[in-house]
Amino acid sequence: MRPDNVFMSALLHSSIVKCMTILEEQPARTDHLPIVTMVNLVPEMWTETLKPNYRQENWEEFRETLVSRLVGLDAKEEI
């Protein structure tokens, strides 16, 4: 006979509300006991990050802005 091991991370350990066995629901002819664990889990709020929409970009304006910013850079060698 081997005991069934239950593993839980240290982060979840503090979230346990109740842990108990239900003797009356033990399967017939077994030494196993059902274990019920109630864990208080609150989902984190997730905000979606905006992604650029390349189809709606004004590419002429983009190129002009890019050129104006690149002119100010001090390039040490030509690529």
Protein backbone atom coordinates (compact mmCIF):
# COMPACT_ATOMS: atom_id res chain seq x y z
CA MET A 1 0.00 0.00 0.00
CA ARG A 2 1.22 3.49 -0.85
CA PRO A 3 -0.36 6.74 0.27
CA ASP A 4 -1.58 9.09 -2.43
CA ASN A 5 0.40 12.30 -2.31
CA VAL A 6 -1.13 15.68 -2.96
CA PHE A 7 1.19 18.43 -4.12
CA MET A 8 0.48 22.15 -4.04
CA SER A 9 2.63 25.17 -4.72
CA ALA A 10 3.55 27.58 -1.93
CA LEU A 11 1.57 30.34 -3.68
CA LEU A 12 -1.69 28.38 -3.45
CA HIS A 13 -1.12 27.19 0.12
CA SER A 14 -2.33 30.48 1.62
CA SER A 15 -5.49 30.34 -0.54
CA ILE A 16 -6.90 27.13 0.97
CA VAL A 17 -10.28 27.74 2.58
CA LYS A 18 -11.18 24.19 3.57
CA CYS A 19 -9.72 20.71 3.14
CA MET A 20 -11.68 17.65 4.27
CA THR A 21 -12.41 14.01 3.52
CA ILE A 22 -15.87 12.62 2.81
CA LEU A 23 -16.00 9.22 4.50
CA GLU A 24 -19.48 8.37 3.28
CA GLU A 25 -18.39 8.63 -0.37
CA GLN A 26 -15.52 6.15 -0.04
CA PRO A 27 -15.60 3.73 -3.00
CA ALA A 28 -16.49 0.12 -2.12
CA ARG A 29 -13.61 -2.23 -1.29
CA THR A 30 -10.92 0.46 -1.42
CA ASP A 31 -8.77 2.26 1.09
CA HIS A 32 -9.10 5.54 -0.80
CA LEU A 33 -10.90 8.52 0.67
CA PRO A 34 -12.23 11.39 -1.43
CA ILE A 35 -10.52 14.63 -0.47
CA VAL A 36 -12.33 17.90 -1.11
CA THR A 37 -10.20 21.04 -1.14
CA MET A 38 -11.79 24.46 -1.42
CA VAL A 39 -9.42 27.10 -2.74
CA ASN A 40 -10.15 30.82 -2.88
CA LEU A 41 -8.93 31.93 -6.30
CA VAL A 42 -9.57 35.43 -7.56
CA PRO A 43 -8.70 35.95 -11.22
CA GLU A 44 -6.43 38.86 -12.01
CA MET A 45 -7.80 41.65 -14.15
CA TRP A 46 -6.19 41.55 -17.55
CA THR A 47 -6.03 44.50 -19.87
CA GLU A 48 -5.46 43.93 -23.53
CA THR A 49 -2.53 45.80 -24.99
CA LEU A 50 -3.27 47.65 -28.17
CA LYS A 51 -1.50 46.41 -31.27
CA PRO A 52 -0.66 48.63 -34.22
CA ASN A 53 -2.92 48.40 -37.23
CA TYR A 54 -0.49 48.62 -40.15
CA ARG A 55 -3.28 48.76 -42.73
CA GLN A 56 -4.56 52.07 -41.38
CA GLU A 57 -1.13 53.71 -41.16
CA ASN A 58 -0.46 56.83 -43.20
CA TRP A 59 2.80 55.60 -44.72
CA GLU A 60 3.79 58.90 -46.35
CA GLU A 61 3.55 60.68 -42.99
CA PHE A 62 5.37 57.78 -41.34
CA ARG A 63 8.28 58.01 -43.81
CA GLU A 64 8.54 61.79 -43.37
CA THR A 65 8.64 61.44 -39.59
CA LEU A 66 11.18 58.62 -39.85
CA VAL A 67 13.47 60.64 -42.11
CA SER A 68 13.31 63.67 -39.79
CA ARG A 69 14.26 61.54 -36.79
CA LEU A 70 17.02 59.64 -38.60
CA VAL A 71 18.68 62.85 -39.83
CA GLY A 72 19.38 63.88 -36.22
CA LEU A 73 21.19 60.62 -35.39
CA ASP A 74 24.97 60.57 -35.33
CA ALA A 75 25.85 57.58 -37.53
CA LYS A 76 29.45 56.45 -37.02
CA GLU A 77 29.63 54.41 -40.20
CA GLU A 78 27.59 53.84 -43.30
CA ILE A 79 25.52 50.71 -43.53
